[in-house]
Amino acid sequence: MAAATGAVRTERVRSQLFLPAAITGFLALMLGILGFDQFLNAMTLGAIYALIALGYTMVYGIIELINFAHGDVFMVATFVSIGVSTTILGQSGAITDIPTLVVSLVLLFLITIVVMALVGALIERLAYKPLRQAPKLAPLITAIGVSFILQNIIQFFVGPYITNVPQLFPTQWVFTLGESRVPFLNLFVIGSAITLMLVLQLFIARTKTGRAMRTTAMDRDASSLMGVDINRTIMITFLIGSGLAGAAGVIHGLYYGNTTFTLGFQSGLKAFTAAVLGGIGNTAGAALGGFLIAFIEVAAAAFGFGRWGSAIVFSLLVIILVFRPTGLLGSHTGDRA
């Protein structure tokens, strides 16, 4: 009996250590193949994809809705961040004073996240809640409609042009590591994204609302019978997912320095692919998928196959889903979420 218990514990430890070991090995391999500069670029791009993918996977995990409007919520966030920077903060260029920069970035993130969270909640209440009991095709078509509405609103007020985003973070701040020049902006982007992901994981795992979200994802009807407020849980899910898209919009603007009303389609498609690749409904899987796609795209570009980056990503998605239909880390959804 004791031997069997020990064997079970050993197997459990091995399963828990396998994923961190596999991720560490993959990162080491990519660092050796790409070099530090491209490795840092892939991590930065992956951080943006991962934040957007989290919104997709959370909404699908709760109500089994592929929220195609989520990519355009991210797009709107890039324009909201422009308004916050220029109108509220009164900043249009790099801030070299560190205390002023810290305060400005904190306010930029907070205001944009709050605004986009409210936008997400408004979309859920007006577009998705009335269709809660409708056939699944109805909310899917509605999501596509909301996506076009958001695109046209931005196009009407801003125009169909590439818009510059104020670069609050000084791009000239770099330090040398060996033969590589490491921009502090890249480290800030990666650190901010990973911090938000860890906070989300702790929120889902340790709070009462997080437990309600997990039980609703497993069985909505049973959760309702146990006293979970389903409408409140779904709204909170949209609030958090859209807020993370808001953070991704801020990060995108700071890193790339421009945006356009068509940004949401491509970014949203890749983020949704990341969510499916990692395991739809699984927040850790969505983050992993985002980084994996970024590494594939950067590696393809580094070896002269940049035009084939998307084809390689979707080919890998098909191969993985053939052998593991629930994604790399599996799905956390039940038969009915």
Protein backbone atom coordinates (compact mmCIF):
# COMPACT_ATOMS: atom_id res chain seq x y z
CA MET A 1 0.00 0.00 0.00
CA ALA A 2 2.79 2.38 0.95
CA ALA A 3 4.68 1.52 -2.23
CA ALA A 4 1.62 2.24 -4.36
CA THR A 5 1.10 5.59 -2.61
CA GLY A 6 4.75 6.47 -3.15
CA ALA A 7 4.49 5.58 -6.83
CA VAL A 8 1.43 7.81 -7.21
CA ARG A 9 3.21 10.70 -5.53
CA THR A 10 6.27 10.22 -7.73
CA GLU A 11 4.13 10.20 -10.85
CA ARG A 12 2.33 13.35 -9.67
CA VAL A 13 5.63 15.15 -9.07
CA ARG A 14 6.87 14.11 -12.50
CA SER A 15 3.72 15.42 -14.17
CA GLN A 16 4.02 18.71 -12.29
CA LEU A 17 7.68 19.12 -13.25
CA PHE A 18 7.25 18.09 -16.90
CA LEU A 19 5.65 21.35 -18.13
CA PRO A 20 8.16 23.74 -16.50
CA ALA A 21 11.02 21.55 -17.73
CA ALA A 22 9.57 21.44 -21.25
CA ILE A 23 9.08 25.23 -21.34
CA THR A 24 12.59 25.84 -20.02
CA GLY A 25 14.04 23.48 -22.62
CA PHE A 26 12.07 25.15 -25.41
CA LEU A 27 13.20 28.63 -24.35
CA ALA A 28 16.82 27.50 -24.16
CA LEU A 29 16.53 25.95 -27.62
CA MET A 30 15.01 29.12 -29.09
CA LEU A 31 17.67 31.27 -27.44
CA GLY A 32 20.38 29.14 -29.03
CA ILE A 33 18.72 29.17 -32.46
CA LEU A 34 17.58 32.80 -32.65
CA GLY A 35 20.17 34.61 -30.59
CA PHE A 36 19.37 37.01 -27.79
CA ASP A 37 18.06 39.91 -29.91
CA GLN A 38 15.46 37.87 -31.79
CA PHE A 39 14.64 35.90 -28.65
CA LEU A 40 13.76 39.17 -26.90
CA ASN A 41 11.62 40.27 -29.85
CA ALA A 42 9.72 36.97 -29.75
CA MET A 43 9.11 37.27 -26.02
CA THR A 44 7.78 40.81 -26.49
CA LEU A 45 5.45 39.85 -29.32
CA GLY A 46 4.33 36.76 -27.42
CA ALA A 47 3.43 38.89 -24.39
CA ILE A 48 0.99 40.90 -26.52
CA TYR A 49 -0.56 37.81 -28.13
CA ALA A 50 -0.91 36.12 -24.74
CA LEU A 51 -2.78 39.03 -23.17
CA ILE A 52 -5.28 39.14 -26.03
CA ALA A 53 -5.66 35.34 -26.05
CA LEU A 54 -6.61 35.32 -22.37
CA GLY A 55 -9.79 37.25 -23.16
CA TYR A 56 -10.77 34.76 -25.85
CA THR A 57 -10.18 31.71 -23.70
CA MET A 58 -11.95 33.11 -20.61
CA VAL A 59 -15.13 33.98 -22.49
CA TYR A 60 -15.21 30.65 -24.30
CA GLY A 61 -14.57 28.79 -21.06
CA ILE A 62 -17.59 30.40 -19.42
CA ILE A 63 -20.24 30.57 -22.17
CA GLU A 64 -18.66 28.70 -25.12
CA LEU A 65 -18.73 31.85 -27.26
CA ILE A 66 -15.98 32.59 -29.76
CA ASN A 67 -15.96 36.33 -29.19
CA PHE A 68 -14.63 37.52 -32.53
CA ALA A 69 -15.13 41.12 -31.40
CA HIS A 70 -12.36 40.72 -28.82
CA GLY A 71 -9.61 41.51 -31.32
CA ASP A 72 -11.31 44.80 -32.10
CA VAL A 73 -11.71 45.55 -28.40
CA PHE A 74 -7.91 45.37 -28.34
CA MET A 75 -7.79 47.68 -31.37
CA VAL A 76 -10.06 50.22 -29.68
CA ALA A 77 -7.80 50.08 -26.63
CA THR A 78 -4.86 51.33 -28.70
CA PHE A 79 -6.87 54.43 -29.62
CA VAL A 80 -8.13 54.90 -26.06
CA SER A 81 -4.51 54.88 -24.89
CA ILE A 82 -3.75 57.66 -27.38
CA GLY A 83 -6.59 59.76 -25.96
CA VAL A 84 -5.49 59.13 -22.38
CA SER A 85 -1.86 60.03 -23.17
CA THR A 86 -2.59 63.25 -25.04
CA THR A 87 -5.77 64.51 -23.37
CA ILE A 88 -5.70 63.35 -19.76
CA LEU A 89 -1.96 63.05 -19.17
CA GLY A 90 -1.01 65.83 -21.58
CA GLN A 91 1.98 63.87 -22.89
CA SER A 92 2.95 63.54 -26.53
CA GLY A 93 6.55 62.32 -26.33
CA ALA A 94 9.11 60.45 -24.28
CA ILE A 95 9.24 61.17 -20.53
CA THR A 96 12.78 61.03 -19.21
CA ASP A 97 11.95 61.92 -15.61
CA ILE A 98 11.54 58.53 -13.94
CA PRO A 99 8.92 59.46 -11.25
CA THR A 100 6.80 61.25 -13.86
CA LEU A 101 7.16 58.30 -16.23
CA VAL A 102 6.09 55.79 -13.57
CA VAL A 103 3.02 57.83 -12.59
CA SER A 104 2.08 58.41 -16.24
CA LEU A 105 2.38 54.71 -17.15
CA VAL A 106 0.37 53.59 -14.10
CA LEU A 107 -2.40 56.06 -14.94
CA LEU A 108 -2.28 55.10 -18.62
CA PHE A 109 -2.71 51.41 -17.80
CA LEU A 110 -5.37 51.94 -15.13
CA ILE A 111 -7.57 54.31 -17.14
CA THR A 112 -7.34 52.28 -20.36
CA ILE A 113 -8.02 49.00 -18.56
CA VAL A 114 -11.05 50.45 -16.75
CA VAL A 115 -12.47 52.02 -19.93
CA MET A 116 -12.06 48.83 -21.96
CA ALA A 117 -13.46 46.70 -19.13
CA LEU A 118 -16.59 48.85 -19.17
CA VAL A 119 -16.75 48.59 -22.97
CA GLY A 120 -16.55 44.80 -22.70
CA ALA A 121 -19.29 44.71 -20.07
CA LEU A 122 -21.47 46.96 -22.23
CA ILE A 123 -21.00 44.69 -25.24
CA GLU A 124 -21.93 41.65 -23.15
CA ARG A 125 -25.08 43.26 -21.79
CA LEU A 126 -26.33 44.72 -25.09
CA ALA A 127 -25.20 42.13 -27.64
CA TYR A 128 -24.68 38.77 -25.93
CA LYS A 129 -26.94 38.55 -22.88
CA PRO A 130 -30.21 38.77 -24.88
CA LEU A 131 -28.97 35.77 -26.91
CA ARG A 132 -27.95 33.66 -23.91
CA GLN A 133 -30.58 30.99 -24.69
CA ALA A 134 -30.45 31.36 -28.48
CA PRO A 135 -28.83 28.81 -30.82
CA LYS A 136 -25.05 29.04 -30.77
CA LEU A 137 -24.90 30.46 -34.30
CA ALA A 138 -26.79 33.63 -33.25
CA PRO A 139 -24.23 34.99 -30.74
CA LEU A 140 -21.41 33.98 -33.10
CA ILE A 141 -22.86 36.10 -35.91
CA THR A 142 -23.52 38.87 -33.40
CA ALA A 143 -19.86 38.82 -32.35
CA ILE A 144 -18.82 39.31 -35.97
CA GLY A 145 -21.31 42.17 -36.21
CA VAL A 146 -19.93 43.83 -33.08
CA SER A 147 -16.44 43.52 -34.58
CA PHE A 148 -17.50 45.46 -37.68
CA ILE A 149 -19.31 48.04 -35.55
CA LEU A 150 -16.17 48.76 -33.52
CA GLN A 151 -14.06 49.00 -36.69
CA ASN A 152 -16.47 51.43 -38.31
CA ILE A 153 -16.76 53.61 -35.20
CA ILE A 154 -12.98 54.06 -35.08
CA GLN A 155 -12.79 54.59 -38.84
CA PHE A 156 -15.51 57.25 -38.66
CA PHE A 157 -13.94 59.25 -35.83
CA VAL A 158 -10.23 58.73 -36.59
CA GLY A 159 -10.07 57.87 -40.27
CA PRO A 160 -8.64 54.95 -42.26
CA TYR A 161 -5.06 55.96 -41.60
CA ILE A 162 -2.16 54.69 -39.57
CA THR A 163 -2.15 56.76 -36.37
CA ASN A 164 0.98 57.44 -34.34
CA VAL A 165 0.90 56.56 -30.65
CA PRO A 166 2.77 58.83 -28.19
CA GLN A 167 5.99 57.10 -27.14
CA LEU A 168 6.00 57.82 -23.42
CA PHE A 169 8.70 55.26 -22.71
CA PRO A 170 12.10 56.50 -23.98
CA THR A 171 13.25 54.15 -26.75
CA GLN A 172 16.86 55.28 -26.31
CA TRP A 173 17.08 53.66 -22.87
CA VAL A 174 19.15 50.53 -23.52
CA PHE A 175 21.91 48.57 -21.87
CA THR A 176 24.53 46.26 -23.32
CA LEU A 177 24.53 42.54 -22.60
CA GLY A 178 27.50 40.93 -24.31
CA GLU A 179 27.18 41.97 -27.95
CA SER A 180 23.46 42.70 -27.69
CA ARG A 181 21.74 46.01 -26.99
CA VAL A 182 18.75 45.39 -24.75
CA PRO A 183 16.02 48.08 -24.77
CA PHE A 184 14.40 48.67 -21.39
CA LEU A 185 11.10 49.00 -23.27
CA ASN A 186 11.16 45.30 -24.22
CA LEU A 187 11.80 44.30 -20.61
CA PHE A 188 8.99 46.58 -19.47
CA VAL A 189 6.55 45.03 -21.97
CA ILE A 190 7.47 41.46 -21.02
CA GLY A 191 7.45 42.19 -17.28
CA SER A 192 4.09 43.99 -17.42
CA ALA A 193 2.43 41.18 -19.38
CA ILE A 194 3.78 38.39 -17.19
CA THR A 195 2.75 40.29 -14.05
CA LEU A 196 -0.81 40.65 -15.34
CA MET A 197 -0.93 36.94 -16.23
CA LEU A 198 0.26 35.91 -12.77
CA VAL A 199 -2.27 38.22 -11.10
CA LEU A 200 -5.01 36.68 -13.24
CA GLN A 201 -3.93 33.15 -12.30
CA LEU A 202 -3.93 34.04 -8.60
CA PHE A 203 -7.33 35.70 -8.93
CA ILE A 204 -8.87 32.64 -10.58
CA ALA A 205 -7.24 30.20 -8.16
CA ARG A 206 -7.56 32.03 -4.83
CA THR A 207 -10.68 34.23 -4.86
CA LYS A 208 -14.35 33.42 -4.45
CA THR A 209 -15.15 35.01 -7.80
CA GLY A 210 -12.40 32.98 -9.43
CA ARG A 211 -13.86 29.77 -8.02
CA ALA A 212 -17.27 30.82 -9.32
CA MET A 213 -15.76 31.31 -12.77
CA ARG A 214 -14.16 27.86 -12.69
CA THR A 215 -17.31 26.09 -11.55
CA THR A 216 -19.41 27.95 -14.12
CA ALA A 217 -16.99 26.82 -16.82
CA MET A 218 -17.41 23.20 -15.70
CA ASP A 219 -21.21 23.18 -15.37
CA ARG A 220 -23.31 26.31 -15.57
CA ASP A 221 -26.56 24.70 -14.41
CA ALA A 222 -25.00 22.99 -11.40
CA SER A 223 -23.21 26.23 -10.44
CA SER A 224 -26.51 28.09 -10.53
CA LEU A 225 -28.11 25.49 -8.25
CA MET A 226 -25.19 25.92 -5.82
CA GLY A 227 -25.87 29.65 -5.54
CA VAL A 228 -23.48 31.09 -8.13
CA ASP A 229 -24.81 34.24 -9.79
CA ILE A 230 -24.27 33.26 -13.42
CA ASN A 231 -25.03 36.70 -14.90
CA ARG A 232 -22.60 38.37 -12.52
CA THR A 233 -19.91 35.78 -13.23
CA ILE A 234 -20.25 36.20 -16.99
CA MET A 235 -20.09 39.99 -16.70
CA ILE A 236 -16.96 39.80 -14.56
CA THR A 237 -15.41 37.50 -17.15
CA PHE A 238 -16.04 40.07 -19.87
CA LEU A 239 -14.75 42.84 -17.60
CA ILE A 240 -11.47 41.01 -16.96
CA GLY A 241 -10.99 39.82 -20.54
CA SER A 242 -11.62 43.27 -22.02
CA GLY A 243 -9.44 44.86 -19.35
CA LEU A 244 -6.56 42.58 -20.38
CA ALA A 245 -7.17 43.57 -24.00
CA GLY A 246 -6.91 47.17 -22.80
CA ALA A 247 -3.53 46.44 -21.24
CA ALA A 248 -2.43 44.73 -24.46
CA GLY A 249 -3.51 47.83 -26.41
CA VAL A 250 -1.34 50.06 -24.21
CA ILE A 251 1.63 47.73 -24.58
CA HIS A 252 1.19 47.50 -28.35
CA GLY A 253 1.13 51.28 -28.68
CA LEU A 254 4.22 51.74 -26.54
CA TYR A 255 6.14 49.07 -28.43
CA TYR A 256 5.13 49.64 -32.05
CA GLY A 257 4.32 53.36 -31.91
CA ASN A 258 1.34 53.23 -34.26
CA THR A 259 -2.10 51.71 -34.74
CA THR A 260 -4.92 51.50 -37.26
CA PHE A 261 -8.58 50.48 -37.32
CA THR A 262 -7.74 47.19 -39.08
CA LEU A 263 -5.33 46.08 -36.34
CA GLY A 264 -7.87 43.96 -34.49
CA PHE A 265 -8.51 41.36 -37.20
CA GLN A 266 -4.98 39.97 -37.61
CA SER A 267 -4.07 40.29 -33.93
CA GLY A 268 -7.38 38.78 -32.85
CA LEU A 269 -7.03 35.86 -35.27
CA LYS A 270 -3.56 35.02 -33.99
CA ALA A 271 -4.64 35.41 -30.37
CA PHE A 272 -7.62 33.10 -30.93
CA THR A 273 -5.28 30.60 -32.57
CA ALA A 274 -3.06 30.85 -29.49
CA ALA A 275 -6.05 30.10 -27.26
CA VAL A 276 -6.99 27.02 -29.31
CA LEU A 277 -3.37 25.88 -29.55
CA GLY A 278 -2.84 26.04 -25.80
CA GLY A 279 -6.25 24.62 -24.89
CA ILE A 280 -9.43 26.66 -25.18
CA GLY A 281 -10.75 27.60 -21.75
CA ASN A 282 -7.30 27.14 -20.20
CA THR A 283 -5.71 30.48 -19.26
CA ALA A 284 -2.20 29.05 -18.86
CA GLY A 285 -2.58 27.31 -22.20
CA ALA A 286 -3.65 30.55 -23.91
CA ALA A 287 -0.55 32.34 -22.60
CA LEU A 288 1.67 29.44 -23.70
CA GLY A 289 0.08 29.45 -27.15
CA GLY A 290 0.66 33.17 -27.54
CA PHE A 291 4.37 32.86 -26.85
CA LEU A 292 4.68 29.77 -29.06
CA ILE A 293 3.11 31.54 -32.05
CA ALA A 294 5.38 34.55 -31.54
CA PHE A 295 8.49 32.36 -31.53
CA ILE A 296 7.37 30.61 -34.72
CA GLU A 297 6.76 33.93 -36.50
CA VAL A 298 10.03 35.48 -35.37
CA ALA A 299 11.99 32.34 -36.26
CA ALA A 300 10.40 32.25 -39.72
CA ALA A 301 11.30 35.91 -40.29
CA ALA A 302 14.84 35.40 -38.98
CA PHE A 303 15.49 32.59 -41.47
CA GLY A 304 13.97 34.45 -44.42
CA PHE A 305 10.53 32.83 -44.42
CA GLY A 306 8.58 35.76 -42.99
CA ARG A 307 5.82 35.45 -45.59
CA TRP A 308 5.29 31.84 -44.54
CA GLY A 309 5.03 32.60 -40.82
CA SER A 310 1.23 32.42 -40.65
CA ALA A 311 1.14 29.28 -42.81
CA ILE A 312 3.61 27.57 -40.48
CA VAL A 313 1.58 28.62 -37.42
CA PHE A 314 -1.69 27.23 -38.77
CA SER A 315 -0.02 24.07 -40.07
CA LEU A 316 1.33 23.45 -36.58
CA LEU A 317 -2.13 24.12 -35.15
CA VAL A 318 -3.68 21.50 -37.43
CA ILE A 319 -1.00 18.92 -36.57
CA ILE A 320 -1.34 19.47 -32.82
CA LEU A 321 -5.14 19.33 -32.91
CA VAL A 322 -5.06 16.09 -34.90
CA PHE A 323 -3.06 14.36 -32.18
CA ARG A 324 -4.32 16.42 -29.20
CA PRO A 325 -7.76 17.92 -29.96
CA THR A 326 -7.96 19.72 -26.60
CA GLY A 327 -4.73 21.66 -27.21
CA LEU A 328 -1.32 21.49 -25.58
CA LEU A 329 -2.51 21.85 -21.97
CA GLY A 330 -6.05 20.57 -22.47
CA SER A 331 -9.35 22.34 -22.08
CA HIS A 332 -10.84 23.34 -18.74
CA THR A 333 -14.37 23.54 -20.05
CA GLY A 334 -17.03 21.01 -19.28
CA ASP A 335 -19.53 19.48 -21.65
CA ARG A 336 -21.56 22.60 -21.24
CA ALA A 337 -19.93 25.78 -20.02
